[in-house]
């Protein structure tokens, strides 16, 4: 689950960094736990070709979503300055 706070517009950004989490790694991003020990043993991971294919599929899906967003933005009327 992802939770976002809607912040009012400001001249300066509310954040300075973008953090990206790959939540498929069994890591828990809480203050109570740092790292899943099961990832220490690479025998628990899928083969590299499976990981690579999953990355390709995820990137293709993300690209398709961004393309759809771009098309929807092109269809919107332009705001007057």
C-alpha atoms as a PDB file:
ATOM      1  CA  UNK A   1       0.000   0.000   0.000  1.00  0.00           C
ATOM      2  CA  UNK A   2       1.277   3.449  -0.862  1.00  0.00           C
ATOM      3  CA  UNK A   3       0.176   6.479   1.119  1.00  0.00           C
ATOM      4  CA  UNK A   4       0.684  10.027  -0.122  1.00  0.00           C
ATOM      5  CA  UNK A   5       0.063  13.376   1.544  1.00  0.00           C
ATOM      6  CA  UNK A   6      -1.392  16.120  -0.594  1.00  0.00           C
ATOM      7  CA  UNK A   7       0.601  19.233   0.095  1.00  0.00           C
ATOM      8  CA  UNK A   8      -0.330  22.772  -0.946  1.00  0.00           C
ATOM      9  CA  UNK A   9       1.593  24.307  -3.827  1.00  0.00           C
ATOM     10  CA  UNK A  10       4.779  26.101  -2.877  1.00  0.00           C
ATOM     11  CA  UNK A  11       7.543  28.028  -4.617  1.00  0.00           C
ATOM     12  CA  UNK A  12      10.119  25.571  -3.332  1.00  0.00           C
ATOM     13  CA  UNK A  13       9.635  21.801  -3.525  1.00  0.00           C
ATOM     14  CA  UNK A  14       8.430  19.979  -0.435  1.00  0.00           C
ATOM     15  CA  UNK A  15      11.045  17.298  -0.987  1.00  0.00           C
ATOM     16  CA  UNK A  16      14.606  17.387  -2.258  1.00  0.00           C
ATOM     17  CA  UNK A  17      15.011  13.692  -3.054  1.00  0.00           C
ATOM     18  CA  UNK A  18      13.028  11.051  -4.882  1.00  0.00           C
ATOM     19  CA  UNK A  19      13.061   7.666  -3.182  1.00  0.00           C
ATOM     20  CA  UNK A  20      12.118   4.618  -5.219  1.00  0.00           C
ATOM     21  CA  UNK A  21      11.359   1.360  -3.455  1.00  0.00           C
ATOM     22  CA  UNK A  22      11.171  -2.010  -5.187  1.00  0.00           C
ATOM     23  CA  UNK A  23       8.669  -3.679  -2.895  1.00  0.00           C
ATOM     24  CA  UNK A  24       9.101  -7.066  -4.548  1.00  0.00           C
ATOM     25  CA  UNK A  25      12.265  -7.673  -2.512  1.00  0.00           C
ATOM     26  CA  UNK A  26      10.484  -8.730   0.715  1.00  0.00           C
ATOM     27  CA  UNK A  27      11.969  -5.701   2.457  1.00  0.00           C
ATOM     28  CA  UNK A  28       9.853  -3.953   5.058  1.00  0.00           C
ATOM     29  CA  UNK A  29      10.177  -0.190   5.027  1.00  0.00           C
ATOM     30  CA  UNK A  30       9.340   0.613   8.623  1.00  0.00           C
ATOM     31  CA  UNK A  31      11.297   2.027  11.507  1.00  0.00           C
ATOM     32  CA  UNK A  32      11.158  -1.332  13.281  1.00  0.00           C
ATOM     33  CA  UNK A  33      13.047  -3.366  10.720  1.00  0.00           C
ATOM     34  CA  UNK A  34      16.026  -2.583   8.469  1.00  0.00           C
ATOM     35  CA  UNK A  35      16.572  -5.464   6.069  1.00  0.00           C
ATOM     36  CA  UNK A  36      15.097  -8.891   5.315  1.00  0.00           C
ATOM     37  CA  UNK A  37      17.804 -11.462   6.113  1.00  0.00           C
ATOM     38  CA  UNK A  38      16.412 -13.846   3.475  1.00  0.00           C
ATOM     39  CA  UNK A  39      17.963 -11.596   0.813  1.00  0.00           C
ATOM     40  CA  UNK A  40      21.457 -12.208   2.177  1.00  0.00           C
ATOM     41  CA  UNK A  41      21.437 -15.649   0.556  1.00  0.00           C
ATOM     42  CA  UNK A  42      21.271 -15.213  -3.210  1.00  0.00           C
ATOM     43  CA  UNK A  43      20.055 -18.796  -3.539  1.00  0.00           C
ATOM     44  CA  UNK A  44      16.635 -17.445  -2.496  1.00  0.00           C
ATOM     45  CA  UNK A  45      16.459 -15.146  -5.523  1.00  0.00           C
ATOM     46  CA  UNK A  46      15.041 -16.099  -8.919  1.00  0.00           C
ATOM     47  CA  UNK A  47      17.526 -16.753 -11.728  1.00  0.00           C
ATOM     48  CA  UNK A  48      18.959 -13.620 -13.387  1.00  0.00           C
ATOM     49  CA  UNK A  49      17.040 -14.226 -16.623  1.00  0.00           C
ATOM     50  CA  UNK A  50      13.753 -14.264 -14.679  1.00  0.00           C
ATOM     51  CA  UNK A  51      14.658 -11.062 -12.854  1.00  0.00           C
ATOM     52  CA  UNK A  52      15.680  -9.421 -16.141  1.00  0.00           C
ATOM     53  CA  UNK A  53      12.420 -10.448 -17.831  1.00  0.00           C
ATOM     54  CA  UNK A  54      10.383  -9.108 -14.904  1.00  0.00           C
ATOM     55  CA  UNK A  55      12.243  -5.796 -15.146  1.00  0.00           C
ATOM     56  CA  UNK A  56      11.544  -5.610 -18.885  1.00  0.00           C
ATOM     57  CA  UNK A  57       7.839  -6.345 -18.313  1.00  0.00           C
ATOM     58  CA  UNK A  58       7.613  -3.738 -15.545  1.00  0.00           C
ATOM     59  CA  UNK A  59       9.334  -1.096 -17.674  1.00  0.00           C
ATOM     60  CA  UNK A  60       7.129  -1.856 -20.683  1.00  0.00           C
ATOM     61  CA  UNK A  61       4.017  -1.591 -18.511  1.00  0.00           C
ATOM     62  CA  UNK A  62       5.234   1.698 -17.024  1.00  0.00           C
ATOM     63  CA  UNK A  63       6.019   3.059 -20.495  1.00  0.00           C
ATOM     64  CA  UNK A  64       2.530   2.118 -21.705  1.00  0.00           C
ATOM     65  CA  UNK A  65       1.000   3.897 -18.713  1.00  0.00           C
ATOM     66  CA  UNK A  66       3.073   7.037 -19.305  1.00  0.00           C
ATOM     67  CA  UNK A  67       2.158   6.966 -23.006  1.00  0.00           C
ATOM     68  CA  UNK A  68      -1.528   6.813 -22.069  1.00  0.00           C
ATOM     69  CA  UNK A  69      -1.085   9.746 -19.695  1.00  0.00           C
ATOM     70  CA  UNK A  70       0.730  11.736 -22.384  1.00  0.00           C
ATOM     71  CA  UNK A  71      -2.089  11.034 -24.870  1.00  0.00           C
ATOM     72  CA  UNK A  72      -4.709  12.136 -22.354  1.00  0.00           C
ATOM     73  CA  UNK A  73      -2.774  15.343 -21.705  1.00  0.00           C
ATOM     74  CA  UNK A  74      -2.603  16.068 -25.431  1.00  0.00           C
ATOM     75  CA  UNK A  75      -6.390  15.725 -25.633  1.00  0.00           C
ATOM     76  CA  UNK A  76      -6.971  18.298 -22.868  1.00  0.00           C
ATOM     77  CA  UNK A  77      -7.730  21.875 -23.802  1.00  0.00           C
ATOM     78  CA  UNK A  78      -4.747  24.154 -23.238  1.00  0.00           C
ATOM     79  CA  UNK A  79      -4.999  26.561 -20.311  1.00  0.00           C
ATOM     80  CA  UNK A  80      -4.883  30.217 -21.249  1.00  0.00           C
ATOM     81  CA  UNK A  81      -1.927  32.237 -19.918  1.00  0.00           C
END
